Amino acid sequence: MKNTVTSSFLDYINNNNGIFIYDSWVNWEITTILTWVHGNEISWIIALEKILEKIDIVKWKVNFIVWNIKAVESNVRFIDVDMNWIFDKFDEIDKYESKRIREIIKYLEESDSMLDIHNTLNDWAIPFLLTEQVQARSLFNTNYVVEWFDNLHGWSSDRFVNKKWWRWYCLEAWYYWEISSHELAYNSILNFLKYTWNIRWVNNEYDILNSLIFDYKYTTKTWNFKLTKKYNDFDRVTENDIIWYDDWIAIKAPYSSYILFAYSPENSNRTAFCLWKNKFN
């Protein structure tokens, strides 16, 4: 999809190096809102532009960070390397994304709460929340909460924040062209800032139907593989269902569970799908 960010807003981002700090007269806890780790996840363009125009921080401090500015400008996922794959070793890599992490890291280190905002790129996606924290889950209008994600994604910015026991939340919105994803993005940022007491509080909570924990991932062994069918996020699989063929080997579900992030990667040694089980069953 064509990037819908306006040239004037891109200029605004560049002029501020993608860093927007709102500081109130009461400065105690610090909240960080992360956007555009991936430059082709664009639901947040409309939401962030509206937020920055109208935000009124009444307490404490908020950092709004646009991570991958060049990728946003080029409407690509990343320039040199996926930022979420190098967060545990960015000091060892000389790429645009690693240099950008070095510019931003101090804002994460000082933060007490973080909301990391993304789109799911599958066109059949539904929104869900990733977090290890109990508080504030009901502020996000999603039916699913996914836990133990850092066991799968141990090199990402989310893991960096979560290991310090901060309040960390990552919201995956609908497919990026869905207008509902823009609304979800906007309302989620506002609700999170209410929870952190950065803006005036209005109670607005949602029911959560399912709380899931990560339990299994499959990493491709060869270049010759395919899913047995198209899987939507949170489809149920039963024990011994054949999910995947890796060359001639059939990969079966080890138990009944929910499938997530199922896709056909372009090479071997990539995560092809993950399984999650209900926390309470």
C-alpha atoms as a PDB file:
ATOM      1  CA  MET A   1       0.000   0.000   0.000  1.00  0.00           C
ATOM      2  CA  LYS A   2       1.203   3.507  -0.769  1.00  0.00           C
ATOM      3  CA  ASN A   3       2.506   5.394   2.241  1.00  0.00           C
ATOM      4  CA  THR A   4      -0.103   7.970   3.269  1.00  0.00           C
ATOM      5  CA  VAL A   5       2.118  10.130   5.429  1.00  0.00           C
ATOM      6  CA  THR A   6       2.056  13.738   4.236  1.00  0.00           C
ATOM      7  CA  SER A   7       5.244  15.487   3.186  1.00  0.00           C
ATOM      8  CA  SER A   8       4.665  18.159   5.817  1.00  0.00           C
ATOM      9  CA  PHE A   9       4.395  15.547   8.573  1.00  0.00           C
ATOM     10  CA  LEU A  10       7.529  13.795   7.283  1.00  0.00           C
ATOM     11  CA  ASP A  11       9.335  17.132   7.441  1.00  0.00           C
ATOM     12  CA  TYR A  12       8.058  17.566  10.985  1.00  0.00           C
ATOM     13  CA  ILE A  13       9.393  14.114  11.916  1.00  0.00           C
ATOM     14  CA  ASN A  14      12.793  14.765  10.330  1.00  0.00           C
ATOM     15  CA  ASN A  15      13.160  18.208  11.871  1.00  0.00           C
ATOM     16  CA  ASN A  16      12.733  16.613  15.302  1.00  0.00           C
ATOM     17  CA  ASN A  17      14.794  13.487  14.514  1.00  0.00           C
ATOM     18  CA  GLY A  18      11.659  11.460  15.207  1.00  0.00           C
ATOM     19  CA  ILE A  19      11.712  12.382  18.904  1.00  0.00           C
ATOM     20  CA  PHE A  20       8.855  14.329  20.480  1.00  0.00           C
ATOM     21  CA  ILE A  21       9.020  15.042  24.208  1.00  0.00           C
ATOM     22  CA  TYR A  22       6.067  16.395  26.183  1.00  0.00           C
ATOM     23  CA  ASP A  23       7.007  17.443  29.701  1.00  0.00           C
ATOM     24  CA  SER A  24       4.542  18.707  32.279  1.00  0.00           C
ATOM     25  CA  TRP A  25       4.956  20.753  35.406  1.00  0.00           C
ATOM     26  CA  VAL A  26       4.967  17.503  37.422  1.00  0.00           C
ATOM     27  CA  ASN A  27       7.880  15.318  36.353  1.00  0.00           C
ATOM     28  CA  TRP A  28       8.096  11.917  37.994  1.00  0.00           C
ATOM     29  CA  GLU A  29       7.367   8.816  35.891  1.00  0.00           C
ATOM     30  CA  ILE A  30       8.182   8.689  32.172  1.00  0.00           C
ATOM     31  CA  THR A  31       6.046   7.073  29.465  1.00  0.00           C
ATOM     32  CA  THR A  32       7.328   6.179  25.987  1.00  0.00           C
ATOM     33  CA  ILE A  33       5.167   5.550  22.917  1.00  0.00           C
ATOM     34  CA  LEU A  34       7.095   3.750  20.143  1.00  0.00           C
ATOM     35  CA  THR A  35       5.971   3.945  16.520  1.00  0.00           C
ATOM     36  CA  TRP A  36       7.301   2.698  13.197  1.00  0.00           C
ATOM     37  CA  VAL A  37       9.860   0.146  14.165  1.00  0.00           C
ATOM     38  CA  HIS A  38       8.821  -1.060  10.715  1.00  0.00           C
ATOM     39  CA  GLY A  39       8.286   1.602   8.085  1.00  0.00           C
ATOM     40  CA  ASN A  40       5.488  -0.166   6.214  1.00  0.00           C
ATOM     41  CA  GLU A  41       3.165  -0.436   9.226  1.00  0.00           C
ATOM     42  CA  ILE A  42       1.212   2.719   8.622  1.00  0.00           C
ATOM     43  CA  SER A  43      -1.959   2.696  10.744  1.00  0.00           C
ATOM     44  CA  TRP A  44      -0.199   4.909  13.223  1.00  0.00           C
ATOM     45  CA  ILE A  45       0.440   7.743  10.779  1.00  0.00           C
ATOM     46  CA  ILE A  46      -3.048   9.210  11.128  1.00  0.00           C
ATOM     47  CA  ALA A  47      -3.204   8.391  14.847  1.00  0.00           C
ATOM     48  CA  LEU A  48       0.184   9.864  15.729  1.00  0.00           C
ATOM     49  CA  GLU A  49      -0.373  13.008  13.685  1.00  0.00           C
ATOM     50  CA  LYS A  50      -3.685  13.615  15.483  1.00  0.00           C
ATOM     51  CA  ILE A  51      -2.131  12.880  18.876  1.00  0.00           C
ATOM     52  CA  LEU A  52       0.823  15.228  18.399  1.00  0.00           C
ATOM     53  CA  GLU A  53      -1.487  18.025  17.243  1.00  0.00           C
ATOM     54  CA  LYS A  54      -3.901  17.796  20.178  1.00  0.00           C
ATOM     55  CA  ILE A  55      -2.125  16.154  23.102  1.00  0.00           C
ATOM     56  CA  ASP A  56      -2.308  17.932  26.438  1.00  0.00           C
ATOM     57  CA  ILE A  57       0.061  16.319  28.930  1.00  0.00           C
ATOM     58  CA  VAL A  58      -1.130  17.322  32.374  1.00  0.00           C
ATOM     59  CA  LYS A  59       1.220  15.176  34.451  1.00  0.00           C
ATOM     60  CA  TRP A  60       4.727  13.715  34.184  1.00  0.00           C
ATOM     61  CA  LYS A  61       6.599  13.146  30.914  1.00  0.00           C
ATOM     62  CA  VAL A  62       5.882  11.396  27.598  1.00  0.00           C
ATOM     63  CA  ASN A  63       8.329  10.502  24.822  1.00  0.00           C
ATOM     64  CA  PHE A  64       6.909   9.821  21.354  1.00  0.00           C
ATOM     65  CA  ILE A  65       9.521   8.019  19.248  1.00  0.00           C
ATOM     66  CA  VAL A  66       9.419   7.412  15.488  1.00  0.00           C
ATOM     67  CA  TRP A  67      12.073   4.720  15.146  1.00  0.00           C
ATOM     68  CA  ASN A  68      12.809   3.984  11.517  1.00  0.00           C
ATOM     69  CA  ILE A  69      12.482   7.340   9.781  1.00  0.00           C
ATOM     70  CA  LYS A  70      14.217   6.327   6.543  1.00  0.00           C
ATOM     71  CA  ALA A  71      12.015   3.250   6.206  1.00  0.00           C
ATOM     72  CA  VAL A  72       8.923   5.417   6.694  1.00  0.00           C
ATOM     73  CA  GLU A  73      10.150   7.772   3.953  1.00  0.00           C
ATOM     74  CA  SER A  74      10.792   4.854   1.577  1.00  0.00           C
ATOM     75  CA  ASN A  75       7.636   2.927   2.551  1.00  0.00           C
ATOM     76  CA  VAL A  76       9.647  -0.241   3.248  1.00  0.00           C
ATOM     77  CA  ARG A  77       9.818  -2.472   6.317  1.00  0.00           C
ATOM     78  CA  PHE A  78      13.473  -1.601   7.024  1.00  0.00           C
ATOM     79  CA  ILE A  79      16.545  -0.160   5.281  1.00  0.00           C
ATOM     80  CA  ASP A  80      19.363  -2.577   6.185  1.00  0.00           C
ATOM     81  CA  VAL A  81      18.085  -4.980   8.831  1.00  0.00           C
ATOM     82  CA  ASP A  82      14.916  -5.573  10.865  1.00  0.00           C
ATOM     83  CA  MET A  83      15.354  -3.574  14.053  1.00  0.00           C
ATOM     84  CA  ASN A  84      13.537  -6.184  16.104  1.00  0.00           C
ATOM     85  CA  TRP A  85      16.104  -8.829  15.147  1.00  0.00           C
ATOM     86  CA  ILE A  86      19.194  -6.947  16.337  1.00  0.00           C
ATOM     87  CA  PHE A  87      18.208  -5.290  19.592  1.00  0.00           C
ATOM     88  CA  ASP A  88      20.391  -7.624  21.663  1.00  0.00           C
ATOM     89  CA  LYS A  89      23.500  -6.898  19.554  1.00  0.00           C
ATOM     90  CA  PHE A  90      23.063  -3.445  18.013  1.00  0.00           C
ATOM     91  CA  ASP A  91      26.479  -2.332  19.330  1.00  0.00           C
ATOM     92  CA  GLU A  92      28.107  -4.997  17.160  1.00  0.00           C
ATOM     93  CA  ILE A  93      26.446  -3.962  13.894  1.00  0.00           C
ATOM     94  CA  ASP A  94      27.157  -0.952  11.674  1.00  0.00           C
ATOM     95  CA  LYS A  95      23.821  -0.457   9.919  1.00  0.00           C
ATOM     96  CA  TYR A  96      21.252   2.331   9.768  1.00  0.00           C
ATOM     97  CA  GLU A  97      18.878   0.541  12.158  1.00  0.00           C
ATOM     98  CA  SER A  98      21.601  -0.166  14.720  1.00  0.00           C
ATOM     99  CA  LYS A  99      22.718   3.468  14.639  1.00  0.00           C
ATOM    100  CA  ARG A 100      19.116   4.498  15.157  1.00  0.00           C
ATOM    101  CA  ILE A 101      18.822   2.222  18.191  1.00  0.00           C
ATOM    102  CA  ARG A 102      21.890   3.911  19.697  1.00  0.00           C
ATOM    103  CA  GLU A 103      20.170   7.271  19.290  1.00  0.00           C
ATOM    104  CA  ILE A 104      16.975   6.079  20.967  1.00  0.00           C
ATOM    105  CA  ILE A 105      18.178   3.703  23.695  1.00  0.00           C
ATOM    106  CA  LYS A 106      18.459   6.343  26.404  1.00  0.00           C
ATOM    107  CA  TYR A 107      14.737   7.097  26.121  1.00  0.00           C
ATOM    108  CA  LEU A 108      13.902   3.450  26.773  1.00  0.00           C
ATOM    109  CA  GLU A 109      16.324   3.262  29.665  1.00  0.00           C
ATOM    110  CA  GLU A 110      14.658   6.174  31.443  1.00  0.00           C
ATOM    111  CA  SER A 111      11.070   5.016  30.873  1.00  0.00           C
ATOM    112  CA  ASP A 112       8.691   3.489  33.403  1.00  0.00           C
ATOM    113  CA  SER A 113       5.958   2.506  30.903  1.00  0.00           C
ATOM    114  CA  MET A 114       6.043   1.701  27.192  1.00  0.00           C
ATOM    115  CA  LEU A 115       3.496   1.150  24.433  1.00  0.00           C
ATOM    116  CA  ASP A 116       4.981  -0.339  21.259  1.00  0.00           C
ATOM    117  CA  ILE A 117       2.578  -0.072  18.322  1.00  0.00           C
ATOM    118  CA  HIS A 118       2.529  -2.220  15.180  1.00  0.00           C
ATOM    119  CA  ASN A 119       0.363  -3.560  12.381  1.00  0.00           C
ATOM    120  CA  THR A 120      -0.002  -7.194  11.465  1.00  0.00           C
ATOM    121  CA  LEU A 121       0.770  -7.435   7.752  1.00  0.00           C
ATOM    122  CA  ASN A 122      -1.447 -10.446   7.043  1.00  0.00           C
ATOM    123  CA  ASP A 123      -4.649  -9.276   5.377  1.00  0.00           C
ATOM    124  CA  TRP A 124      -6.674 -11.693   7.543  1.00  0.00           C
ATOM    125  CA  ALA A 125      -5.232 -10.389  10.816  1.00  0.00           C
ATOM    126  CA  ILE A 126      -7.158  -9.379  13.919  1.00  0.00           C
ATOM    127  CA  PRO A 127      -5.860  -7.061  16.650  1.00  0.00           C
ATOM    128  CA  PHE A 128      -4.256  -8.463  19.787  1.00  0.00           C
ATOM    129  CA  LEU A 129      -2.155  -7.312  22.731  1.00  0.00           C
ATOM    130  CA  LEU A 130       1.284  -8.607  23.731  1.00  0.00           C
ATOM    131  CA  THR A 131       2.302  -8.067  27.344  1.00  0.00           C
ATOM    132  CA  GLU A 132       3.600  -9.714  30.514  1.00  0.00           C
ATOM    133  CA  GLN A 133       1.805  -7.228  32.739  1.00  0.00           C
ATOM    134  CA  VAL A 134      -1.648  -7.619  34.253  1.00  0.00           C
ATOM    135  CA  GLN A 135      -2.478  -3.945  34.673  1.00  0.00           C
ATOM    136  CA  ALA A 136      -4.248  -1.966  31.940  1.00  0.00           C
ATOM    137  CA  ARG A 137      -5.054  -4.899  29.655  1.00  0.00           C
ATOM    138  CA  SER A 138      -8.716  -3.916  29.628  1.00  0.00           C
ATOM    139  CA  LEU A 139      -7.879  -0.495  28.171  1.00  0.00           C
ATOM    140  CA  PHE A 140      -7.176  -2.019  24.756  1.00  0.00           C
ATOM    141  CA  ASN A 141     -10.103  -3.079  22.583  1.00  0.00           C
ATOM    142  CA  THR A 142      -8.806  -6.558  21.695  1.00  0.00           C
ATOM    143  CA  ASN A 143     -10.212 -10.007  22.367  1.00  0.00           C
ATOM    144  CA  TYR A 144      -6.820 -11.654  22.794  1.00  0.00           C
ATOM    145  CA  VAL A 145      -3.868 -11.064  25.106  1.00  0.00           C
ATOM    146  CA  VAL A 146      -0.659 -12.967  24.322  1.00  0.00           C
ATOM    147  CA  GLU A 147       1.897 -13.657  27.057  1.00  0.00           C
ATOM    148  CA  TRP A 148       5.440 -15.052  27.189  1.00  0.00           C
ATOM    149  CA  PHE A 149       6.255 -13.365  23.884  1.00  0.00           C
ATOM    150  CA  ASP A 150       9.769 -12.508  25.022  1.00  0.00           C
ATOM    151  CA  ASN A 151      10.526 -16.240  25.074  1.00  0.00           C
ATOM    152  CA  LEU A 152      10.060 -16.135  21.309  1.00  0.00           C
ATOM    153  CA  HIS A 153      11.396 -12.656  20.535  1.00  0.00           C
ATOM    154  CA  GLY A 154      14.247 -12.295  22.997  1.00  0.00           C
ATOM    155  CA  TRP A 155      16.199  -9.768  20.937  1.00  0.00           C
ATOM    156  CA  SER A 156      13.527  -7.073  20.519  1.00  0.00           C
ATOM    157  CA  SER A 157      12.925  -3.688  22.147  1.00  0.00           C
ATOM    158  CA  ASP A 158       9.994  -5.212  24.018  1.00  0.00           C
ATOM    159  CA  ARG A 159      12.263  -7.759  25.698  1.00  0.00           C
ATOM    160  CA  PHE A 160      14.698  -4.976  26.589  1.00  0.00           C
ATOM    161  CA  VAL A 161      11.958  -3.110  28.404  1.00  0.00           C
ATOM    162  CA  ASN A 162      10.212  -6.139  29.856  1.00  0.00           C
ATOM    163  CA  LYS A 163      13.334  -7.558  31.517  1.00  0.00           C
ATOM    164  CA  LYS A 164      13.484  -4.427  33.662  1.00  0.00           C
ATOM    165  CA  TRP A 165       9.964  -5.056  34.969  1.00  0.00           C
ATOM    166  CA  TRP A 166       8.554  -1.935  33.424  1.00  0.00           C
ATOM    167  CA  ARG A 167       4.979  -1.673  32.247  1.00  0.00           C
ATOM    168  CA  TRP A 168       5.316  -2.908  28.698  1.00  0.00           C
ATOM    169  CA  TYR A 169       2.557  -3.372  26.115  1.00  0.00           C
ATOM    170  CA  CYS A 170       2.748  -4.107  22.391  1.00  0.00           C
ATOM    171  CA  LEU A 171      -0.396  -3.691  20.333  1.00  0.00           C
ATOM    172  CA  GLU A 172      -0.774  -5.409  16.955  1.00  0.00           C
ATOM    173  CA  ALA A 173      -3.530  -3.663  15.035  1.00  0.00           C
ATOM    174  CA  TRP A 174      -5.548  -4.912  12.121  1.00  0.00           C
ATOM    175  CA  TYR A 175      -4.157  -5.053   8.620  1.00  0.00           C
ATOM    176  CA  TYR A 176      -2.837  -1.557   7.934  1.00  0.00           C
ATOM    177  CA  TRP A 177      -5.355  -0.444   5.292  1.00  0.00           C
ATOM    178  CA  GLU A 178      -8.311  -1.111   7.604  1.00  0.00           C
ATOM    179  CA  ILE A 179      -9.743   2.210   8.776  1.00  0.00           C
ATOM    180  CA  SER A 180     -10.604   0.454  12.042  1.00  0.00           C
ATOM    181  CA  SER A 181      -6.879   0.042  12.707  1.00  0.00           C
ATOM    182  CA  HIS A 182      -6.426   3.824  12.620  1.00  0.00           C
ATOM    183  CA  GLU A 183      -9.203   4.225  15.172  1.00  0.00           C
ATOM    184  CA  LEU A 184      -7.801   1.442  17.351  1.00  0.00           C
ATOM    185  CA  ALA A 185      -4.363   3.061  17.225  1.00  0.00           C
ATOM    186  CA  TYR A 186      -5.657   6.459  18.231  1.00  0.00           C
ATOM    187  CA  ASN A 187      -7.873   5.201  21.052  1.00  0.00           C
ATOM    188  CA  SER A 188      -5.177   2.861  22.355  1.00  0.00           C
ATOM    189  CA  ILE A 189      -2.633   5.655  22.680  1.00  0.00           C
ATOM    190  CA  LEU A 190      -5.155   7.841  24.460  1.00  0.00           C
ATOM    191  CA  ASN A 191      -6.228   5.052  26.822  1.00  0.00           C
ATOM    192  CA  PHE A 192      -2.627   4.183  27.622  1.00  0.00           C
ATOM    193  CA  LEU A 193      -1.867   7.821  28.457  1.00  0.00           C
ATOM    194  CA  LYS A 194      -4.910   7.829  30.735  1.00  0.00           C
ATOM    195  CA  TYR A 195      -3.632   4.708  32.482  1.00  0.00           C
ATOM    196  CA  THR A 196      -0.230   6.332  33.040  1.00  0.00           C
ATOM    197  CA  TRP A 197      -1.974   9.496  34.269  1.00  0.00           C
ATOM    198  CA  ASN A 198      -0.353  11.666  31.601  1.00  0.00           C
ATOM    199  CA  ILE A 199      -3.707  13.003  30.415  1.00  0.00           C
ATOM    200  CA  ARG A 200      -7.052  13.437  32.136  1.00  0.00           C
ATOM    201  CA  TRP A 201      -8.662  10.135  33.027  1.00  0.00           C
ATOM    202  CA  VAL A 202     -11.936   8.860  31.580  1.00  0.00           C
ATOM    203  CA  ASN A 203     -12.780   5.263  32.425  1.00  0.00           C
ATOM    204  CA  ASN A 204     -13.094   3.218  29.221  1.00  0.00           C
ATOM    205  CA  GLU A 205     -12.490  -0.511  29.649  1.00  0.00           C
ATOM    206  CA  TYR A 206     -13.078  -3.559  27.458  1.00  0.00           C
ATOM    207  CA  ASP A 207     -13.632  -7.226  28.179  1.00  0.00           C
ATOM    208  CA  ILE A 208     -10.826  -9.647  27.314  1.00  0.00           C
ATOM    209  CA  LEU A 209     -12.029 -13.031  26.114  1.00  0.00           C
ATOM    210  CA  ASN A 210      -8.805 -15.012  25.934  1.00  0.00           C
ATOM    211  CA  SER A 211      -5.428 -14.829  27.660  1.00  0.00           C
ATOM    212  CA  LEU A 212      -2.808 -16.950  25.908  1.00  0.00           C
ATOM    213  CA  ILE A 213       0.773 -17.967  26.679  1.00  0.00           C
ATOM    214  CA  PHE A 214       3.483 -18.796  24.146  1.00  0.00           C
ATOM    215  CA  ASP A 215       4.490 -22.447  24.167  1.00  0.00           C
ATOM    216  CA  TYR A 216       5.998 -23.545  20.845  1.00  0.00           C
ATOM    217  CA  LYS A 217       7.607 -22.218  17.665  1.00  0.00           C
ATOM    218  CA  TYR A 218       8.718 -23.930  14.497  1.00  0.00           C
ATOM    219  CA  THR A 219      11.878 -22.770  12.695  1.00  0.00           C
ATOM    220  CA  THR A 220      12.308 -23.788   9.059  1.00  0.00           C
ATOM    221  CA  LYS A 221      15.052 -26.306   8.308  1.00  0.00           C
ATOM    222  CA  THR A 222      15.144 -26.080   4.517  1.00  0.00           C
ATOM    223  CA  TRP A 223      14.189 -23.755   1.670  1.00  0.00           C
ATOM    224  CA  ASN A 224      11.438 -26.086   0.470  1.00  0.00           C
ATOM    225  CA  PHE A 225       8.411 -25.697   2.697  1.00  0.00           C
ATOM    226  CA  LYS A 226       4.771 -24.673   2.667  1.00  0.00           C
ATOM    227  CA  LEU A 227       1.760 -24.443   4.945  1.00  0.00           C
ATOM    228  CA  THR A 228      -0.945 -27.039   4.399  1.00  0.00           C
ATOM    229  CA  LYS A 229      -3.492 -24.219   4.231  1.00  0.00           C
ATOM    230  CA  LYS A 230      -3.930 -20.534   4.982  1.00  0.00           C
ATOM    231  CA  TYR A 231      -4.062 -20.048   8.753  1.00  0.00           C
ATOM    232  CA  ASN A 232      -5.627 -16.979  10.319  1.00  0.00           C
ATOM    233  CA  ASP A 233      -4.197 -15.674  13.564  1.00  0.00           C
ATOM    234  CA  PHE A 234      -5.797 -17.522  16.496  1.00  0.00           C
ATOM    235  CA  ASP A 235      -7.149 -20.386  14.408  1.00  0.00           C
ATOM    236  CA  ARG A 236      -7.441 -23.559  16.492  1.00  0.00           C
ATOM    237  CA  VAL A 237      -5.279 -26.555  15.613  1.00  0.00           C
ATOM    238  CA  THR A 238      -5.709 -29.972  17.184  1.00  0.00           C
ATOM    239  CA  GLU A 239      -3.109 -32.513  18.210  1.00  0.00           C
ATOM    240  CA  ASN A 240      -1.386 -34.173  15.214  1.00  0.00           C
ATOM    241  CA  ASP A 241      -2.833 -31.763  12.650  1.00  0.00           C
ATOM    242  CA  ILE A 242      -0.307 -31.390   9.830  1.00  0.00           C
ATOM    243  CA  ILE A 243       0.486 -27.657   9.733  1.00  0.00           C
ATOM    244  CA  TRP A 244       3.532 -27.559   7.540  1.00  0.00           C
ATOM    245  CA  TYR A 245       5.731 -29.507   5.135  1.00  0.00           C
ATOM    246  CA  ASP A 246       9.451 -28.801   5.461  1.00  0.00           C
ATOM    247  CA  ASP A 247      10.804 -30.484   2.348  1.00  0.00           C
ATOM    248  CA  TRP A 248       9.133 -33.930   2.612  1.00  0.00           C
ATOM    249  CA  ILE A 249       8.764 -33.924   6.398  1.00  0.00           C
ATOM    250  CA  ALA A 250       5.259 -33.292   7.791  1.00  0.00           C
ATOM    251  CA  ILE A 251       5.251 -31.000  10.831  1.00  0.00           C
ATOM    252  CA  LYS A 252       2.382 -31.802  13.180  1.00  0.00           C
ATOM    253  CA  ALA A 253       0.820 -29.836  16.008  1.00  0.00           C
ATOM    254  CA  PRO A 254       2.093 -31.387  19.263  1.00  0.00           C
ATOM    255  CA  TYR A 255      -1.195 -30.590  21.027  1.00  0.00           C
ATOM    256  CA  SER A 256      -4.429 -28.604  20.638  1.00  0.00           C
ATOM    257  CA  SER A 257      -3.668 -24.892  20.662  1.00  0.00           C
ATOM    258  CA  TYR A 258      -3.976 -21.546  18.853  1.00  0.00           C
ATOM    259  CA  ILE A 259      -1.734 -20.797  15.866  1.00  0.00           C
ATOM    260  CA  LEU A 260      -0.202 -17.370  15.315  1.00  0.00           C
ATOM    261  CA  PHE A 261       2.156 -15.673  12.829  1.00  0.00           C
ATOM    262  CA  ALA A 262       1.851 -18.509  10.279  1.00  0.00           C
ATOM    263  CA  TYR A 263       3.464 -17.560   6.971  1.00  0.00           C
ATOM    264  CA  SER A 264       5.942 -18.810   4.371  1.00  0.00           C
ATOM    265  CA  PRO A 265       9.337 -17.203   4.992  1.00  0.00           C
ATOM    266  CA  GLU A 266      11.768 -16.663   2.148  1.00  0.00           C
ATOM    267  CA  ASN A 267      14.582 -18.856   3.469  1.00  0.00           C
ATOM    268  CA  SER A 268      15.536 -21.419   6.086  1.00  0.00           C
ATOM    269  CA  ASN A 269      16.099 -20.814   9.797  1.00  0.00           C
ATOM    270  CA  ARG A 270      13.066 -18.536  10.105  1.00  0.00           C
ATOM    271  CA  THR A 271      10.095 -18.775  12.445  1.00  0.00           C
ATOM    272  CA  ALA A 272       7.224 -20.151  10.348  1.00  0.00           C
ATOM    273  CA  PHE A 273       4.504 -20.354  12.980  1.00  0.00           C
ATOM    274  CA  CYS A 274       3.976 -20.280  16.743  1.00  0.00           C
ATOM    275  CA  LEU A 275       1.534 -22.048  19.020  1.00  0.00           C
ATOM    276  CA  TRP A 276      -0.132 -20.541  22.068  1.00  0.00           C
ATOM    277  CA  LYS A 277      -2.258 -22.213  24.716  1.00  0.00           C
ATOM    278  CA  ASN A 278      -4.958 -20.824  26.941  1.00  0.00           C
ATOM    279  CA  LYS A 279      -3.538 -19.604  30.212  1.00  0.00           C
ATOM    280  CA  PHE A 280      -6.417 -20.879  32.292  1.00  0.00           C
ATOM    281  CA  ASN A 281      -7.082 -24.281  30.666  1.00  0.00           C
END
